């Protein structure tokens, strides 16, 4: 593997489930709104409100497009200098220097189960007993307020500073983070040794 090689892409499974849950209802909204708008001129009461169906259809179309985007754009991948956590609205780059440890936990240990809403429980239920990765950090690469605004709450670790990553093969991801982190450290140490070596040759 070359120095600039990238790791595998590990899809974030909850985004995939969320996109699947959104896809059919949003498509039905688009179809129903289009039909209502098309037949509106034949019904005077509906005709005066035809713009509403158009707006609803546009919102449904946006949600449907988001469901397609979320499936493809949500993943974790090791880059030569950082771990890339991609989500539909906010990509996050975590430098290997920030990483304290990578540890597996059961997903339910990171959730306030007693306070979860029924919709949240329905979304997360298939993953509660799964092993997930907690990427513990010295500090977030951006403000926590911004992260809370653009990332789902269940991606932020419960008791430490870090991210909760729900992927299909957590062992492979953990192994790749370790390998890429070791390579990054080795490159940094090599760069630090070069100036001293040059000074020794010039003496």
C-alpha atoms as a PDB file:
ATOM      1  CA  UNK A   1       0.000   0.000   0.000  1.00  0.00           C
ATOM      2  CA  UNK A   2       1.423   3.405  -0.990  1.00  0.00           C
ATOM      3  CA  UNK A   3       1.889   6.269   1.436  1.00  0.00           C
ATOM      4  CA  UNK A   4      -1.058   8.164  -0.062  1.00  0.00           C
ATOM      5  CA  UNK A   5      -3.385   5.145  -0.171  1.00  0.00           C
ATOM      6  CA  UNK A   6      -6.797   5.425   1.412  1.00  0.00           C
ATOM      7  CA  UNK A   7      -8.603   2.890   3.545  1.00  0.00           C
ATOM      8  CA  UNK A   8     -11.899   1.185   2.801  1.00  0.00           C
ATOM      9  CA  UNK A   9     -15.194   3.036   3.003  1.00  0.00           C
ATOM     10  CA  UNK A  10     -17.319   1.825   5.916  1.00  0.00           C
ATOM     11  CA  UNK A  11     -20.960   2.911   5.500  1.00  0.00           C
ATOM     12  CA  UNK A  12     -22.635   4.394   8.571  1.00  0.00           C
ATOM     13  CA  UNK A  13     -25.475   1.919   9.012  1.00  0.00           C
ATOM     14  CA  UNK A  14     -27.947   4.150  10.837  1.00  0.00           C
ATOM     15  CA  UNK A  15     -27.920   6.632   7.974  1.00  0.00           C
ATOM     16  CA  UNK A  16     -28.717   3.749   5.625  1.00  0.00           C
ATOM     17  CA  UNK A  17     -31.680   2.716   7.761  1.00  0.00           C
ATOM     18  CA  UNK A  18     -32.849   6.316   8.099  1.00  0.00           C
ATOM     19  CA  UNK A  19     -32.693   6.820   4.327  1.00  0.00           C
ATOM     20  CA  UNK A  20     -34.637   3.591   3.763  1.00  0.00           C
ATOM     21  CA  UNK A  21     -37.337   4.688   6.215  1.00  0.00           C
ATOM     22  CA  UNK A  22     -37.690   8.042   4.435  1.00  0.00           C
ATOM     23  CA  UNK A  23     -37.636   6.830   0.846  1.00  0.00           C
ATOM     24  CA  UNK A  24     -41.084   5.267   0.363  1.00  0.00           C
ATOM     25  CA  UNK A  25     -43.140   7.816   2.382  1.00  0.00           C
ATOM     26  CA  UNK A  26     -41.460  10.758   0.621  1.00  0.00           C
ATOM     27  CA  UNK A  27     -42.022   9.169  -2.802  1.00  0.00           C
ATOM     28  CA  UNK A  28     -45.697   8.614  -1.980  1.00  0.00           C
ATOM     29  CA  UNK A  29     -45.994  12.267  -0.923  1.00  0.00           C
ATOM     30  CA  UNK A  30     -44.570  13.368  -4.277  1.00  0.00           C
ATOM     31  CA  UNK A  31     -46.931  11.113  -6.240  1.00  0.00           C
ATOM     32  CA  UNK A  32     -50.008  12.092  -4.209  1.00  0.00           C
ATOM     33  CA  UNK A  33     -49.174  15.813  -4.482  1.00  0.00           C
ATOM     34  CA  UNK A  34     -48.596  15.546  -8.227  1.00  0.00           C
ATOM     35  CA  UNK A  35     -51.929  13.786  -8.739  1.00  0.00           C
ATOM     36  CA  UNK A  36     -53.774  16.329  -6.582  1.00  0.00           C
ATOM     37  CA  UNK A  37     -52.152  19.219  -8.475  1.00  0.00           C
ATOM     38  CA  UNK A  38     -52.968  17.610 -11.842  1.00  0.00           C
ATOM     39  CA  UNK A  39     -56.643  17.085 -11.075  1.00  0.00           C
ATOM     40  CA  UNK A  40     -57.065  20.343  -9.127  1.00  0.00           C
ATOM     41  CA  UNK A  41     -58.612  22.324 -12.053  1.00  0.00           C
ATOM     42  CA  UNK A  42     -61.569  19.896 -12.092  1.00  0.00           C
ATOM     43  CA  UNK A  43     -62.461  20.742  -8.488  1.00  0.00           C
ATOM     44  CA  UNK A  44     -62.949  24.447  -7.669  1.00  0.00           C
ATOM     45  CA  UNK A  45     -62.329  24.015  -3.929  1.00  0.00           C
ATOM     46  CA  UNK A  46     -59.042  22.241  -4.614  1.00  0.00           C
ATOM     47  CA  UNK A  47     -58.023  24.526  -7.488  1.00  0.00           C
ATOM     48  CA  UNK A  48     -57.648  27.516  -5.142  1.00  0.00           C
ATOM     49  CA  UNK A  49     -55.189  25.516  -3.071  1.00  0.00           C
ATOM     50  CA  UNK A  50     -53.223  23.873  -5.885  1.00  0.00           C
ATOM     51  CA  UNK A  51     -50.056  25.822  -4.956  1.00  0.00           C
ATOM     52  CA  UNK A  52     -50.091  24.000  -1.598  1.00  0.00           C
ATOM     53  CA  UNK A  53     -49.846  20.634  -3.315  1.00  0.00           C
ATOM     54  CA  UNK A  54     -46.959  21.950  -5.376  1.00  0.00           C
ATOM     55  CA  UNK A  55     -45.078  23.042  -2.234  1.00  0.00           C
ATOM     56  CA  UNK A  56     -45.783  19.742  -0.474  1.00  0.00           C
ATOM     57  CA  UNK A  57     -44.596  17.841  -3.548  1.00  0.00           C
ATOM     58  CA  UNK A  58     -41.347  19.852  -3.642  1.00  0.00           C
ATOM     59  CA  UNK A  59     -40.715  19.137   0.050  1.00  0.00           C
ATOM     60  CA  UNK A  60     -41.368  15.433  -0.548  1.00  0.00           C
ATOM     61  CA  UNK A  61     -38.967  15.476  -3.518  1.00  0.00           C
ATOM     62  CA  UNK A  62     -36.243  17.089  -1.398  1.00  0.00           C
ATOM     63  CA  UNK A  63     -36.697  14.463   1.313  1.00  0.00           C
ATOM     64  CA  UNK A  64     -36.554  11.709  -1.303  1.00  0.00           C
ATOM     65  CA  UNK A  65     -33.314  13.132  -2.761  1.00  0.00           C
ATOM     66  CA  UNK A  66     -31.888  13.381   0.762  1.00  0.00           C
ATOM     67  CA  UNK A  67     -32.723   9.711   1.357  1.00  0.00           C
ATOM     68  CA  UNK A  68     -30.716   8.777  -1.738  1.00  0.00           C
ATOM     69  CA  UNK A  69     -27.824  11.060  -0.790  1.00  0.00           C
ATOM     70  CA  UNK A  70     -27.665   9.860   2.829  1.00  0.00           C
ATOM     71  CA  UNK A  71     -27.196   6.257   1.742  1.00  0.00           C
ATOM     72  CA  UNK A  72     -24.183   7.066  -0.439  1.00  0.00           C
ATOM     73  CA  UNK A  73     -22.631  10.000   1.435  1.00  0.00           C
ATOM     74  CA  UNK A  74     -22.484   8.628   4.996  1.00  0.00           C
ATOM     75  CA  UNK A  75     -19.345   6.619   5.675  1.00  0.00           C
ATOM     76  CA  UNK A  76     -16.035   6.460   7.559  1.00  0.00           C
ATOM     77  CA  UNK A  77     -12.721   6.189   5.727  1.00  0.00           C
ATOM     78  CA  UNK A  78      -9.085   6.345   6.795  1.00  0.00           C
ATOM     79  CA  UNK A  79      -7.021   8.905   4.895  1.00  0.00           C
ATOM     80  CA  UNK A  80      -3.206   9.168   5.162  1.00  0.00           C
ATOM     81  CA  UNK A  81      -3.393  12.050   7.685  1.00  0.00           C
ATOM     82  CA  UNK A  82      -6.828  11.776   9.247  1.00  0.00           C
ATOM     83  CA  UNK A  83      -9.984   9.730   9.720  1.00  0.00           C
ATOM     84  CA  UNK A  84     -12.740  11.105   7.503  1.00  0.00           C
ATOM     85  CA  UNK A  85     -16.289  10.888   8.866  1.00  0.00           C
ATOM     86  CA  UNK A  86     -18.633  11.832   6.035  1.00  0.00           C
ATOM     87  CA  UNK A  87     -22.290  12.698   6.576  1.00  0.00           C
ATOM     88  CA  UNK A  88     -24.696  14.307   4.073  1.00  0.00           C
ATOM     89  CA  UNK A  89     -24.307  17.811   5.518  1.00  0.00           C
ATOM     90  CA  UNK A  90     -21.029  17.821   7.461  1.00  0.00           C
ATOM     91  CA  UNK A  91     -17.762  16.043   6.655  1.00  0.00           C
ATOM     92  CA  UNK A  92     -15.471  15.773   9.693  1.00  0.00           C
ATOM     93  CA  UNK A  93     -11.709  15.185   9.475  1.00  0.00           C
ATOM     94  CA  UNK A  94     -10.158  13.788  12.670  1.00  0.00           C
ATOM     95  CA  UNK A  95      -6.365  14.003  12.799  1.00  0.00           C
ATOM     96  CA  UNK A  96      -4.601  10.907  14.130  1.00  0.00           C
ATOM     97  CA  UNK A  97      -2.910  13.227  16.619  1.00  0.00           C
ATOM     98  CA  UNK A  98      -6.283  13.795  18.298  1.00  0.00           C
ATOM     99  CA  UNK A  99      -7.081  10.106  18.780  1.00  0.00           C
ATOM    100  CA  UNK A 100      -6.724   8.794  22.344  1.00  0.00           C
ATOM    101  CA  UNK A 101      -8.054   5.298  21.725  1.00  0.00           C
ATOM    102  CA  UNK A 102     -10.455   3.240  19.640  1.00  0.00           C
ATOM    103  CA  UNK A 103     -12.598   0.874  21.668  1.00  0.00           C
ATOM    104  CA  UNK A 104     -15.612  -1.353  21.008  1.00  0.00           C
ATOM    105  CA  UNK A 105     -18.775  -0.984  23.076  1.00  0.00           C
ATOM    106  CA  UNK A 106     -22.373  -2.128  22.774  1.00  0.00           C
ATOM    107  CA  UNK A 107     -24.422   0.625  21.192  1.00  0.00           C
ATOM    108  CA  UNK A 108     -27.103   0.684  23.899  1.00  0.00           C
ATOM    109  CA  UNK A 109     -24.464   1.759  26.450  1.00  0.00           C
ATOM    110  CA  UNK A 110     -24.208   5.098  24.629  1.00  0.00           C
ATOM    111  CA  UNK A 111     -27.950   5.823  24.637  1.00  0.00           C
ATOM    112  CA  UNK A 112     -30.370   7.249  27.218  1.00  0.00           C
ATOM    113  CA  UNK A 113     -32.841   4.417  26.652  1.00  0.00           C
ATOM    114  CA  UNK A 114     -35.350   5.566  29.276  1.00  0.00           C
ATOM    115  CA  UNK A 115     -35.645   9.039  27.707  1.00  0.00           C
ATOM    116  CA  UNK A 116     -35.727   8.048  24.048  1.00  0.00           C
ATOM    117  CA  UNK A 117     -38.783   8.918  21.971  1.00  0.00           C
ATOM    118  CA  UNK A 118     -40.652   6.171  20.143  1.00  0.00           C
ATOM    119  CA  UNK A 119     -39.464   7.444  16.739  1.00  0.00           C
ATOM    120  CA  UNK A 120     -35.850   7.407  17.937  1.00  0.00           C
ATOM    121  CA  UNK A 121     -36.289   3.922  19.364  1.00  0.00           C
ATOM    122  CA  UNK A 122     -37.764   2.684  16.091  1.00  0.00           C
ATOM    123  CA  UNK A 123     -34.783   4.030  14.149  1.00  0.00           C
ATOM    124  CA  UNK A 124     -32.097   2.728  16.506  1.00  0.00           C
ATOM    125  CA  UNK A 125     -33.704  -0.501  17.724  1.00  0.00           C
ATOM    126  CA  UNK A 126     -31.935  -2.870  15.250  1.00  0.00           C
ATOM    127  CA  UNK A 127     -28.554  -1.576  16.432  1.00  0.00           C
ATOM    128  CA  UNK A 128     -28.981  -1.575  20.218  1.00  0.00           C
ATOM    129  CA  UNK A 129     -27.100  -4.842  20.803  1.00  0.00           C
ATOM    130  CA  UNK A 130     -24.538  -4.239  18.069  1.00  0.00           C
ATOM    131  CA  UNK A 131     -20.880  -3.653  18.811  1.00  0.00           C
ATOM    132  CA  UNK A 132     -19.885  -0.170  17.702  1.00  0.00           C
ATOM    133  CA  UNK A 133     -16.684   1.866  17.846  1.00  0.00           C
ATOM    134  CA  UNK A 134     -16.087   4.775  20.187  1.00  0.00           C
ATOM    135  CA  UNK A 135     -13.401   6.998  18.689  1.00  0.00           C
ATOM    136  CA  UNK A 136     -12.165   8.776  21.811  1.00  0.00           C
ATOM    137  CA  UNK A 137     -10.410  12.100  21.168  1.00  0.00           C
ATOM    138  CA  UNK A 138      -8.326  14.703  22.985  1.00  0.00           C
ATOM    139  CA  UNK A 139     -10.713  17.277  21.547  1.00  0.00           C
ATOM    140  CA  UNK A 140     -13.201  17.702  18.716  1.00  0.00           C
ATOM    141  CA  UNK A 141     -11.855  19.113  15.429  1.00  0.00           C
ATOM    142  CA  UNK A 142     -14.589  21.783  15.497  1.00  0.00           C
ATOM    143  CA  UNK A 143     -16.958  23.267  18.050  1.00  0.00           C
ATOM    144  CA  UNK A 144     -19.313  20.863  19.787  1.00  0.00           C
ATOM    145  CA  UNK A 145     -22.165  23.276  19.102  1.00  0.00           C
ATOM    146  CA  UNK A 146     -21.614  22.941  15.362  1.00  0.00           C
ATOM    147  CA  UNK A 147     -21.375  19.166  15.640  1.00  0.00           C
ATOM    148  CA  UNK A 148     -24.643  19.007  17.561  1.00  0.00           C
ATOM    149  CA  UNK A 149     -26.280  21.162  14.895  1.00  0.00           C
ATOM    150  CA  UNK A 150     -25.289  18.987  11.923  1.00  0.00           C
ATOM    151  CA  UNK A 151     -24.724  15.488  13.321  1.00  0.00           C
ATOM    152  CA  UNK A 152     -27.328  13.193  14.907  1.00  0.00           C
ATOM    153  CA  UNK A 153     -27.033  13.150  18.685  1.00  0.00           C
ATOM    154  CA  UNK A 154     -26.277   9.423  18.829  1.00  0.00           C
ATOM    155  CA  UNK A 155     -22.965   9.936  16.977  1.00  0.00           C
ATOM    156  CA  UNK A 156     -21.466  11.850  19.917  1.00  0.00           C
ATOM    157  CA  UNK A 157     -20.034   9.640  22.661  1.00  0.00           C
ATOM    158  CA  UNK A 158     -21.850   9.626  25.985  1.00  0.00           C
ATOM    159  CA  UNK A 159     -19.154   9.956  28.668  1.00  0.00           C
ATOM    160  CA  UNK A 160     -16.046  10.982  26.717  1.00  0.00           C
ATOM    161  CA  UNK A 161     -15.091  13.379  23.945  1.00  0.00           C
ATOM    162  CA  UNK A 162     -15.470  11.435  20.743  1.00  0.00           C
ATOM    163  CA  UNK A 163     -17.659   9.844  18.100  1.00  0.00           C
ATOM    164  CA  UNK A 164     -19.763   6.691  18.039  1.00  0.00           C
ATOM    165  CA  UNK A 165     -19.347   4.901  14.701  1.00  0.00           C
ATOM    166  CA  UNK A 166     -21.907   2.257  13.754  1.00  0.00           C
ATOM    167  CA  UNK A 167     -20.477   0.228  10.880  1.00  0.00           C
ATOM    168  CA  UNK A 168     -20.918  -3.302   9.610  1.00  0.00           C
ATOM    169  CA  UNK A 169     -17.357  -4.516  10.305  1.00  0.00           C
ATOM    170  CA  UNK A 170     -16.140  -2.664  13.389  1.00  0.00           C
ATOM    171  CA  UNK A 171     -13.049  -4.877  13.739  1.00  0.00           C
ATOM    172  CA  UNK A 172     -11.822  -4.034  10.238  1.00  0.00           C
ATOM    173  CA  UNK A 173     -12.376  -0.308  10.818  1.00  0.00           C
ATOM    174  CA  UNK A 174     -10.595  -0.428  14.175  1.00  0.00           C
ATOM    175  CA  UNK A 175      -7.688  -2.271  12.588  1.00  0.00           C
ATOM    176  CA  UNK A 176      -7.399   0.223   9.741  1.00  0.00           C
ATOM    177  CA  UNK A 177      -7.473   3.214  12.098  1.00  0.00           C
ATOM    178  CA  UNK A 178      -4.645   1.607  14.075  1.00  0.00           C
ATOM    179  CA  UNK A 179      -2.587   0.863  10.937  1.00  0.00           C
ATOM    180  CA  UNK A 180      -3.032   4.330   9.418  1.00  0.00           C
ATOM    181  CA  UNK A 181      -2.324   5.985  12.774  1.00  0.00           C
ATOM    182  CA  UNK A 182       0.930   4.027  13.160  1.00  0.00           C
ATOM    183  CA  UNK A 183       1.981   5.034   9.631  1.00  0.00           C
ATOM    184  CA  UNK A 184       1.217   8.675  10.350  1.00  0.00           C
ATOM    185  CA  UNK A 185       3.304   8.554  13.545  1.00  0.00           C
ATOM    186  CA  UNK A 186       6.187   6.873  11.684  1.00  0.00           C
ATOM    187  CA  UNK A 187       6.137   9.584   8.971  1.00  0.00           C
ATOM    188  CA  UNK A 188       6.118  12.338  11.588  1.00  0.00           C
ATOM    189  CA  UNK A 189       9.056  10.794  13.439  1.00  0.00           C
ATOM    190  CA  UNK A 190      10.947  10.457  10.158  1.00  0.00           C
ATOM    191  CA  UNK A 191      10.402  14.146   9.375  1.00  0.00           C
ATOM    192  CA  UNK A 192      11.614  15.102  12.856  1.00  0.00           C
ATOM    193  CA  UNK A 193      14.807  13.070  12.403  1.00  0.00           C
ATOM    194  CA  UNK A 194      15.702  14.624   9.048  1.00  0.00           C
ATOM    195  CA  UNK A 195      16.832  18.081  10.325  1.00  0.00           C
ATOM    196  CA  UNK A 196      19.124  16.541  12.959  1.00  0.00           C
ATOM    197  CA  UNK A 197      20.599  14.181  10.349  1.00  0.00           C
ATOM    198  CA  UNK A 198      21.262  17.104   8.039  1.00  0.00           C
ATOM    199  CA  UNK A 199      22.990  19.037  10.837  1.00  0.00           C
ATOM    200  CA  UNK A 200      25.203  16.040  11.600  1.00  0.00           C
ATOM    201  CA  UNK A 201      26.296  15.820   7.938  1.00  0.00           C
ATOM    202  CA  UNK A 202      27.119  19.531   7.816  1.00  0.00           C
ATOM    203  CA  UNK A 203      29.423  19.408  10.845  1.00  0.00           C
END
